[in-house]
Amino acid sequence: MRCSSVAALVGFVVVTGGCTAPAPFVDDGGLDGGIGASSDAGTSADAGAPAEDAGAPDGGRRAPADASVTSLGSCDAGFASLAAPSRCEALEVTCEGLPPARVELVITEPPVGTAARGVLVFGEGGAGTDFTASGRALDGGLVYREGLRRLVLSGYIVVDRRWPGGWFGQLGLGIGTPSCRYATLLRHLEQTLSQGRPMCATGNSGGASELAYALTRWDGAERLRLAVLSGGPPMASLDVGCFGDAVSSTWRQDCATEWARTQTECPPATPPRCTLRDRPFAAAPALVDTAYATANEPRPCTAGSPTAQGALAADSVDAPDALTTFPRTRVRFLVGRMDCTEGPLLGMRLRRRLTSAVEERVIAGMRHPVADTAAGVDAVVAALADCAP
């Protein structure tokens, strides 16, 4: 195990890492992430609170066009509810002329007699095809569900989302445009559940990308008081994630420096994983391949096709025209010292571009799927606890 202290970097606050004995290493699946069991590396102060509502949208970012949400009735979550009362609702989301997408929500409200303080939205990784509190995580999801239950008992309405067909991944539609679905869902939740209460959201790995797109591409920052991003977002810079040095000659060095600073509980022999193609799992580049496949290039990310670089850069979370200032929304990045994937490294590129209230917390014992460790669960719960006053 390696131990190091970290210093503040320009633009965000860094936690000083603690030294704890890590759990046995398991190479996790990067972009297809989850949620997290060890001790927290520390705490840090916010880099400043966002300004109160000044009456104008954040940066004038537009809402998705032709957006609608239609109820499809109840659904089966497939696992025990967090606490009573809890329900599963299915919705159909349409936006930007795309095919409708089904989303399922497990909604858990505070017990009778406890006033609702706010709404917390959770998003699993990959293309979002599972709930964060499903049986994939530690102890069949029991530890994570207990963490969510703590938030419910403290007065939060907890929303756990699942896109059975994925929020992106349809052949040739890209990733940026389909991210309108999550932005549309946030507007629906603001109108139906939040109703003036604070609303905050968290996403892990691909779920962090989904949430980040809502902030930088759409009008999500108008609706969220706090965004907590863990394990990424790995789609921060799709061109760098797929092509690495071909896009940025300094990326490998920047990546190695960041890896040595934050991912200190990975096996010493593990090389920095700086792109989506730098690990033995093919799932991450394959997801990108499907979204950007053409007849001439069915595997643009896996193959490193030069002709795809421009399209991927323009469709990234941190695209040249991305919104990077959110006067009313705090952004927190959670980085696991045992997260031995490219997710946090690519997410660094977005952190460095944001110019409003941004905080980084480096967590000892947290892996990429944060639900796989108690440290990850505790870190997410702690990061969301002050969503509402």
Protein backbone atom coordinates (compact mmCIF):
# COMPACT_ATOMS: atom_id res chain seq x y z
CA MET A 1 0.00 0.00 0.00
CA ARG A 2 1.21 3.51 -0.82
CA CYS A 3 0.33 6.53 1.33
CA SER A 4 0.62 10.16 0.35
CA SER A 5 -0.69 13.54 1.30
CA VAL A 6 -2.09 15.75 -1.41
CA ALA A 7 -2.09 19.48 -1.84
CA ALA A 8 -4.68 21.89 -3.13
CA LEU A 9 -4.84 22.34 -6.89
CA VAL A 10 -6.06 25.44 -8.63
CA GLY A 11 -9.83 25.52 -9.02
CA PHE A 12 -10.87 22.88 -6.51
CA VAL A 13 -10.19 21.60 -3.03
CA VAL A 14 -8.41 18.30 -2.44
CA VAL A 15 -8.72 16.07 0.61
CA THR A 16 -5.57 14.89 2.36
CA GLY A 17 -5.52 11.13 1.90
CA GLY A 18 -5.45 8.84 4.90
CA CYS A 19 -3.53 5.60 5.18
CA THR A 20 -5.76 2.59 5.73
CA ALA A 21 -5.32 -1.05 4.88
CA PRO A 22 -7.24 -1.62 1.65
CA ALA A 23 -9.57 -4.52 1.04
CA PRO A 24 -8.36 -7.15 -1.43
CA PHE A 25 -8.06 -5.65 -4.88
CA VAL A 26 -10.60 -6.55 -7.51
CA ASP A 27 -10.18 -5.05 -10.99
CA ASP A 28 -13.48 -3.30 -11.56
CA GLY A 29 -15.25 -2.50 -14.74
CA GLY A 30 -14.62 1.18 -15.42
CA LEU A 31 -17.40 2.78 -17.42
CA ASP A 32 -19.91 0.12 -16.41
CA GLY A 33 -19.59 1.29 -12.78
CA GLY A 34 -21.70 0.91 -9.66
CA ILE A 35 -21.71 2.45 -6.14
CA GLY A 36 -19.21 1.48 -2.73
CA ALA A 37 -16.73 -0.39 1.93
CA SER A 38 -13.77 1.13 3.81
CA SER A 39 -12.95 4.32 5.69
CA ASP A 40 -13.22 7.85 4.29
CA ALA A 41 -9.94 9.53 3.45
CA GLY A 42 -11.02 12.75 5.07
CA THR A 43 -13.23 15.78 4.68
CA SER A 44 -12.81 19.12 3.03
CA ALA A 45 -14.47 22.49 2.89
CA ASP A 46 -16.42 23.65 -0.12
CA ALA A 47 -14.56 25.87 -2.55
CA GLY A 48 -17.31 28.40 -1.99
CA ALA A 49 -21.09 28.18 -2.03
CA PRO A 50 -22.95 29.04 -5.23
CA ALA A 51 -24.75 32.31 -5.46
CA GLU A 52 -28.41 32.40 -4.64
CA ASP A 53 -30.92 32.47 -7.46
CA ALA A 54 -30.41 35.72 -9.33
CA GLY A 55 -33.46 35.19 -11.48
CA ALA A 56 -31.62 34.19 -14.66
CA PRO A 57 -30.92 30.68 -16.01
CA ASP A 58 -27.37 29.38 -15.51
CA GLY A 59 -25.54 30.53 -18.63
CA GLY A 60 -28.77 30.57 -20.61
CA ARG A 61 -28.48 26.84 -21.36
CA ARG A 62 -31.49 25.61 -23.27
CA ALA A 63 -33.91 22.90 -22.27
CA PRO A 64 -34.19 19.85 -24.53
CA ALA A 65 -36.50 20.43 -27.50
CA ASP A 66 -39.74 18.53 -28.03
CA ALA A 67 -39.44 17.11 -24.52
CA SER A 68 -42.22 15.14 -22.87
CA VAL A 69 -42.70 12.58 -20.10
CA THR A 70 -45.58 10.10 -20.12
CA SER A 71 -46.56 7.78 -17.30
CA LEU A 72 -46.53 4.05 -18.10
CA GLY A 73 -47.82 2.94 -14.71
CA SER A 74 -46.09 0.86 -12.06
CA CYS A 75 -43.03 -1.37 -12.46
CA ASP A 76 -41.14 -4.11 -10.59
CA ALA A 77 -37.81 -2.97 -9.13
CA GLY A 78 -36.71 -6.53 -8.43
CA PHE A 79 -35.39 -5.86 -4.92
CA ALA A 80 -36.74 -4.98 -1.49
CA SER A 81 -37.72 -1.34 -1.03
CA LEU A 82 -35.58 0.99 1.05
CA ALA A 83 -38.30 1.90 3.52
CA ALA A 84 -42.02 2.36 3.47
CA PRO A 85 -43.61 3.98 1.63
CA SER A 86 -41.77 3.11 -1.60
CA ARG A 87 -43.01 2.65 -5.16
CA CYS A 88 -41.71 1.87 -8.66
CA GLU A 89 -42.96 4.06 -11.50
CA ALA A 90 -42.30 3.64 -15.23
CA LEU A 91 -42.12 6.66 -17.55
CA GLU A 92 -41.57 7.25 -21.24
CA VAL A 93 -39.16 10.11 -22.01
CA THR A 94 -39.00 11.84 -25.39
CA CYS A 95 -36.72 14.70 -26.48
CA GLU A 96 -34.73 16.12 -29.39
CA GLY A 97 -36.58 13.99 -31.93
CA LEU A 98 -35.09 10.76 -30.57
CA PRO A 99 -37.01 7.51 -30.13
CA PRO A 100 -38.85 7.34 -26.78
CA ALA A 101 -36.90 5.79 -23.90
CA ARG A 102 -38.37 3.96 -20.93
CA VAL A 103 -37.09 4.91 -17.49
CA GLU A 104 -38.07 3.23 -14.21
CA LEU A 105 -37.89 5.04 -10.89
CA VAL A 106 -37.86 3.61 -7.39
CA ILE A 107 -39.19 6.50 -5.30
CA THR A 108 -38.90 6.32 -1.53
CA GLU A 109 -40.42 9.06 0.60
CA PRO A 110 -39.75 9.87 4.26
CA PRO A 111 -41.93 8.04 6.80
CA VAL A 112 -45.19 9.56 7.93
CA GLY A 113 -44.51 12.38 10.34
CA THR A 114 -41.14 13.32 8.77
CA ALA A 115 -41.28 16.43 6.61
CA ALA A 116 -39.67 16.12 3.17
CA ARG A 117 -36.54 18.32 2.98
CA GLY A 118 -35.58 17.73 -0.65
CA VAL A 119 -35.13 15.27 -3.50
CA LEU A 120 -32.02 13.14 -4.22
CA VAL A 121 -31.63 11.45 -7.63
CA PHE A 122 -29.26 8.47 -8.02
CA GLY A 123 -27.77 7.14 -11.27
CA GLU A 124 -25.88 3.87 -11.85
CA GLY A 125 -23.01 3.54 -14.35
CA GLY A 126 -22.63 2.37 -17.92
CA ALA A 127 -25.72 3.18 -19.95
CA GLY A 128 -27.81 3.21 -16.76
CA THR A 129 -29.53 -0.14 -17.23
CA ASP A 130 -29.61 -0.99 -13.52
CA PHE A 131 -30.62 0.60 -10.23
CA THR A 132 -27.86 1.71 -7.88
CA ALA A 133 -29.52 -0.24 -5.07
CA SER A 134 -29.84 -3.49 -7.03
CA GLY A 135 -28.23 -6.78 -6.10
CA ARG A 136 -24.98 -6.15 -8.04
CA ALA A 137 -23.33 -4.34 -5.15
CA LEU A 138 -21.76 -5.26 -1.81
CA ASP A 139 -23.84 -7.77 0.18
CA GLY A 140 -26.47 -7.90 -2.54
CA GLY A 141 -26.93 -4.14 -2.30
CA LEU A 142 -27.90 -4.22 1.37
CA VAL A 143 -25.13 -1.83 2.49
CA TYR A 144 -26.02 0.68 -0.20
CA ARG A 145 -29.73 0.44 0.45
CA GLU A 146 -29.02 1.06 4.14
CA GLY A 147 -27.13 4.20 3.13
CA LEU A 148 -30.08 5.40 1.07
CA ARG A 149 -32.39 4.53 3.95
CA ARG A 150 -30.40 6.87 6.22
CA LEU A 151 -31.05 9.69 3.77
CA VAL A 152 -34.75 8.83 3.61
CA LEU A 153 -35.07 8.83 7.39
CA SER A 154 -33.38 12.24 7.51
CA GLY A 155 -36.15 13.65 5.35
CA TYR A 156 -35.09 13.18 1.73
CA ILE A 157 -37.18 11.79 -1.10
CA VAL A 158 -34.80 9.32 -2.81
CA VAL A 159 -35.18 8.54 -6.52
CA ASP A 160 -33.20 5.63 -7.98
CA ARG A 161 -33.41 5.50 -11.78
CA ARG A 162 -32.97 2.72 -14.35
CA TRP A 163 -33.10 2.98 -18.16
CA PRO A 164 -33.87 -0.63 -19.26
CA GLY A 165 -32.72 0.15 -22.81
CA GLY A 166 -29.96 2.54 -21.75
CA TRP A 167 -29.98 6.34 -21.80
CA PHE A 168 -27.65 6.10 -24.80
CA GLY A 169 -26.18 3.31 -26.90
CA GLN A 170 -28.62 3.23 -29.80
CA LEU A 171 -26.72 2.74 -33.05
CA GLY A 172 -25.27 5.95 -34.44
CA LEU A 173 -27.13 8.44 -32.20
CA GLY A 174 -24.05 9.55 -30.28
CA ILE A 175 -24.06 10.27 -26.55
CA GLY A 176 -24.47 14.05 -26.20
CA THR A 177 -27.90 14.27 -27.81
CA PRO A 178 -29.40 11.26 -25.96
CA SER A 179 -28.30 12.90 -22.70
CA CYS A 180 -31.35 15.13 -23.20
CA ARG A 181 -33.35 12.29 -21.66
CA TYR A 182 -31.86 12.78 -18.21
CA ALA A 183 -32.27 16.56 -18.43
CA THR A 184 -35.91 16.00 -19.34
CA LEU A 185 -36.32 13.61 -16.41
CA LEU A 186 -34.88 16.21 -14.03
CA ARG A 187 -37.43 18.76 -15.21
CA HIS A 188 -40.21 16.22 -14.63
CA LEU A 189 -38.97 15.47 -11.10
CA GLU A 190 -38.71 19.16 -10.33
CA GLN A 191 -42.34 19.63 -11.32
CA THR A 192 -43.76 16.50 -9.67
CA LEU A 193 -41.58 15.76 -6.60
CA SER A 194 -39.36 18.72 -5.78
CA GLN A 195 -42.08 21.38 -5.89
CA GLY A 196 -39.84 24.11 -4.50
CA ARG A 197 -37.69 21.87 -2.29
CA PRO A 198 -33.95 21.55 -3.07
CA MET A 199 -33.09 18.85 -5.59
CA CYS A 200 -29.64 17.24 -5.84
CA ALA A 201 -28.26 14.34 -7.87
CA THR A 202 -25.41 11.87 -7.93
CA GLY A 203 -24.08 9.57 -10.64
CA ASN A 204 -21.31 6.99 -10.75
CA SER A 205 -19.07 6.34 -13.76
CA GLY A 206 -21.39 6.45 -16.80
CA GLY A 207 -24.02 7.87 -14.45
CA ALA A 208 -21.60 10.69 -13.63
CA SER A 209 -21.37 11.40 -17.36
CA GLU A 210 -25.16 11.44 -17.63
CA LEU A 211 -25.35 13.98 -14.81
CA ALA A 212 -22.45 16.05 -16.13
CA TYR A 213 -24.06 16.36 -19.56
CA ALA A 214 -27.17 17.76 -17.88
CA LEU A 215 -25.00 20.53 -16.42
CA THR A 216 -22.70 21.37 -19.33
CA ARG A 217 -25.02 20.75 -22.31
CA TRP A 218 -28.55 21.27 -21.02
CA ASP A 219 -30.37 23.22 -18.30
CA GLY A 220 -29.75 20.80 -15.42
CA ALA A 221 -27.94 23.44 -13.37
CA GLU A 222 -31.17 25.42 -13.21
CA ARG A 223 -32.74 22.55 -11.30
CA LEU A 224 -29.96 21.13 -9.10
CA ARG A 225 -28.50 22.63 -5.93
CA LEU A 226 -25.72 20.03 -5.78
CA ALA A 227 -24.23 17.47 -8.19
CA VAL A 228 -22.04 14.64 -6.84
CA LEU A 229 -19.93 12.86 -9.49
CA SER A 230 -18.07 9.64 -8.58
CA GLY A 231 -15.81 7.50 -10.74
CA GLY A 232 -15.61 10.04 -13.51
CA PRO A 233 -17.19 11.28 -15.65
CA PRO A 234 -15.33 8.97 -18.06
CA MET A 235 -17.04 10.71 -21.00
CA ALA A 236 -15.62 14.10 -20.03
CA SER A 237 -13.36 14.04 -23.11
CA LEU A 238 -14.43 11.29 -25.47
CA ASP A 239 -11.69 12.12 -27.96
CA VAL A 240 -8.95 11.86 -25.32
CA GLY A 241 -10.60 8.79 -23.84
CA CYS A 242 -10.49 7.03 -27.21
CA PHE A 243 -7.31 8.45 -28.79
CA GLY A 244 -5.12 9.66 -25.91
CA ASP A 245 -1.80 11.10 -27.13
CA ALA A 246 -3.11 11.50 -30.65
CA VAL A 247 -5.28 14.31 -29.29
CA SER A 248 -3.11 15.66 -26.44
CA SER A 249 0.67 15.20 -26.41
CA THR A 250 0.78 15.91 -22.65
CA TRP A 251 -2.10 13.67 -21.63
CA ARG A 252 -0.08 10.61 -20.61
CA GLN A 253 2.12 12.68 -18.32
CA ASP A 254 -0.85 14.57 -16.83
CA CYS A 255 -2.65 11.27 -16.32
CA ALA A 256 0.34 9.61 -14.63
CA THR A 257 0.74 12.56 -12.27
CA GLU A 258 -2.93 12.43 -11.29
CA TRP A 259 -2.82 8.65 -10.86
CA ALA A 260 0.11 8.96 -8.44
CA ARG A 261 -1.72 11.65 -6.48
CA THR A 262 -5.10 10.03 -6.05
CA GLN A 263 -5.24 6.33 -6.98
CA THR A 264 -2.67 5.31 -4.39
CA GLU A 265 -4.28 2.02 -3.29
CA CYS A 266 -4.03 0.29 -6.66
CA PRO A 267 -1.45 -2.52 -6.93
CA PRO A 268 2.02 -0.96 -7.40
CA ALA A 269 2.52 -2.77 -10.71
CA THR A 270 -0.71 -1.41 -12.19
CA PRO A 271 0.07 1.14 -14.92
CA PRO A 272 -2.05 4.30 -15.13
CA ARG A 273 -5.13 3.69 -17.21
CA CYS A 274 -5.39 6.91 -19.16
CA THR A 275 -7.89 6.01 -21.90
CA LEU A 276 -10.95 3.84 -22.31
CA ARG A 277 -8.74 1.34 -24.15
CA ASP A 278 -6.08 1.00 -21.43
CA ARG A 279 -7.62 -1.88 -19.52
CA PRO A 280 -8.49 -5.50 -20.26
CA PHE A 281 -12.24 -4.89 -20.41
CA ALA A 282 -13.78 -4.05 -23.78
CA ALA A 283 -17.11 -2.78 -22.42
CA ALA A 284 -16.21 0.92 -22.20
CA PRO A 285 -14.92 1.50 -25.74
CA ALA A 286 -17.62 -0.83 -27.06
CA LEU A 287 -20.31 1.43 -25.58
CA VAL A 288 -18.78 4.39 -27.39
CA ASP A 289 -18.40 2.35 -30.58
CA THR A 290 -22.11 1.55 -30.66
CA ALA A 291 -23.11 5.17 -30.15
CA TYR A 292 -20.89 6.51 -32.97
CA ALA A 293 -20.75 3.57 -35.39
CA THR A 294 -21.03 4.25 -39.10
CA ALA A 295 -21.09 1.97 -42.12
CA ASN A 296 -17.45 2.84 -42.85
CA GLU A 297 -16.25 2.66 -39.23
CA PRO A 298 -18.25 0.35 -36.94
CA ARG A 299 -15.70 0.60 -34.09
CA PRO A 300 -14.40 4.20 -34.02
CA CYS A 301 -13.20 4.19 -30.39
CA THR A 302 -11.77 0.68 -30.26
CA ALA A 303 -10.04 1.15 -33.60
CA GLY A 304 -8.83 4.66 -32.79
CA SER A 305 -10.25 5.98 -36.06
CA PRO A 306 -8.77 9.47 -36.76
CA THR A 307 -11.86 10.49 -38.70
CA ALA A 308 -13.96 10.24 -35.51
CA GLN A 309 -11.85 12.57 -33.36
CA GLY A 310 -13.67 15.78 -34.24
CA ALA A 311 -17.14 14.31 -33.70
CA LEU A 312 -16.18 12.82 -30.34
CA ALA A 313 -14.60 16.07 -29.13
CA ALA A 314 -17.72 18.04 -30.06
CA ASP A 315 -19.95 15.50 -28.33
CA SER A 316 -17.98 15.29 -25.06
CA VAL A 317 -19.12 16.56 -21.67
CA ASP A 318 -16.36 19.18 -21.88
CA ALA A 319 -16.96 20.07 -25.53
CA PRO A 320 -15.58 23.45 -26.63
CA ASP A 321 -19.00 25.06 -26.16
CA ALA A 322 -19.73 23.36 -22.81
CA LEU A 323 -21.15 25.44 -20.00
CA THR A 324 -18.53 25.53 -17.21
CA THR A 325 -19.97 27.95 -14.65
CA PHE A 326 -22.98 27.07 -12.48
CA PRO A 327 -23.80 30.01 -10.15
CA ARG A 328 -26.47 28.06 -8.28
CA THR A 329 -25.06 24.52 -8.32
CA ARG A 330 -22.21 23.08 -6.26
CA VAL A 331 -20.26 20.24 -7.86
CA ARG A 332 -18.46 17.56 -5.83
CA PHE A 333 -16.13 14.94 -7.31
CA LEU A 334 -15.53 11.72 -5.37
CA VAL A 335 -12.32 9.87 -6.29
CA GLY A 336 -11.60 6.42 -4.87
CA ARG A 337 -8.03 5.57 -4.00
CA MET A 338 -8.84 1.99 -5.09
CA ASP A 339 -10.50 3.12 -8.34
CA CYS A 340 -7.97 1.69 -10.79
CA THR A 341 -9.80 2.80 -13.92
CA GLU A 342 -9.61 5.70 -16.34
CA GLY A 343 -12.85 7.22 -15.00
CA PRO A 344 -11.45 9.68 -12.41
CA LEU A 345 -8.50 10.53 -14.67
CA LEU A 346 -10.71 11.56 -17.57
CA GLY A 347 -13.04 13.26 -15.07
CA MET A 348 -10.08 15.43 -14.05
CA ARG A 349 -10.30 17.16 -17.42
CA LEU A 350 -13.80 18.39 -16.57
CA ARG A 351 -12.83 19.38 -13.01
CA ARG A 352 -10.09 21.61 -14.35
CA ARG A 353 -12.45 23.38 -16.72
CA LEU A 354 -15.20 24.20 -14.24
CA THR A 355 -15.01 27.72 -12.86
CA SER A 356 -17.70 27.75 -10.16
CA ALA A 357 -17.99 26.04 -6.75
CA VAL A 358 -16.13 22.74 -7.19
CA GLU A 359 -14.81 20.33 -4.57
CA GLU A 360 -12.86 17.09 -4.76
CA ARG A 361 -12.89 14.39 -2.08
CA VAL A 362 -10.36 11.56 -2.30
CA ILE A 363 -11.67 8.49 -0.48
CA ALA A 364 -9.53 5.71 0.98
CA GLY A 365 -10.84 2.21 0.31
CA MET A 366 -13.33 3.27 -2.40
CA ARG A 367 -13.37 1.37 -5.67
CA HIS A 368 -14.83 2.37 -9.01
CA PRO A 369 -18.22 0.74 -8.33
CA VAL A 370 -18.83 2.76 -5.18
CA ALA A 371 -21.54 0.39 -3.98
CA ASP A 372 -18.85 -2.29 -3.64
CA THR A 373 -17.33 -0.72 -0.54
CA ALA A 374 -18.72 0.73 2.68
CA ALA A 375 -16.29 3.64 2.20
CA GLY A 376 -17.95 4.47 -1.10
CA VAL A 377 -21.45 4.23 0.33
CA ASP A 378 -20.53 6.46 3.26
CA ALA A 379 -18.83 8.96 0.97
CA VAL A 380 -21.87 9.32 -1.29
CA VAL A 381 -24.26 9.63 1.66
CA ALA A 382 -22.03 12.26 3.32
CA ALA A 383 -21.65 14.20 0.10
CA LEU A 384 -25.43 14.46 -0.33
CA ALA A 385 -26.39 15.01 3.31
CA ASP A 386 -26.31 18.82 3.05
CA CYS A 387 -28.37 19.06 -0.12
CA ALA A 388 -31.05 20.82 1.90
CA PRO A 389 -30.40 23.13 4.86
